[in-house]
Amino acid sequence: MNPADRNTRHPVKDMKLSQAGFDLIAYWEGVKLRAYFDSVDRATIGIGHIEGITDADVERGRTCTMQEAYQWFQYDAEDKAMKYMRLWLKVPLSQNEFDAITSFVFNRGCGRFRNGGMGEAPILPILNAGDYNGAAMQLLKFNWAGPHKEYLLGLDRRRHAECALFLGEPWERFKTWRP
């Protein structure tokens, strides 16, 4: 895709995750072929896949193939993130914006995107009001996890990377960024 095309806005109903979006999500989620507990102690495998994965899977050392990890990712990204984005978003997005928001929804879930949470305003109504810069800045506020809003440097880096991609800037510099 021509870099200029990544900044042209299109109706979300016609959009798919690009390779750049996949790369961003795969980097921050990691690709782990053995079940593990994530930063908030959810049993996880593959590329951030949690559905149907149990504590017992982690304890038994359940593994998956790269093909399974990728298939689960495609399902999770499509069914758990993009499906709802297409239903709820009323404004067009650029490919960069779409990829960044897909990463956020994949990681934080549709509820946080639509309803916010724990004192944070939701991103969806900000975007639907046409406030693209406001939505990008709101991403930065979701740098915490768990019921006590524990700050996580990795999430802060990811949110800055998503914000950068949303704004059409390189996100890779946030791999090692420190506040």
Foldseek 3Di string as FASTA:
>chain_A
DPLVQLFDWDQLVPDDQDPVLVVLQCVLQPAAFWWDQPPQGQTAHGRRDRPPGDPVSNVVGHGDDNVVSVVSVVCLLVVFASVVCNVQAPTTAGSLQVSLRSSVCSVVNPCCQVCNDDPQHHLRVCVNVVNLLVSLVSLQVQQADDPVRHHDLSSNLSSQLSSQSRVSHHSVVSPPDDD
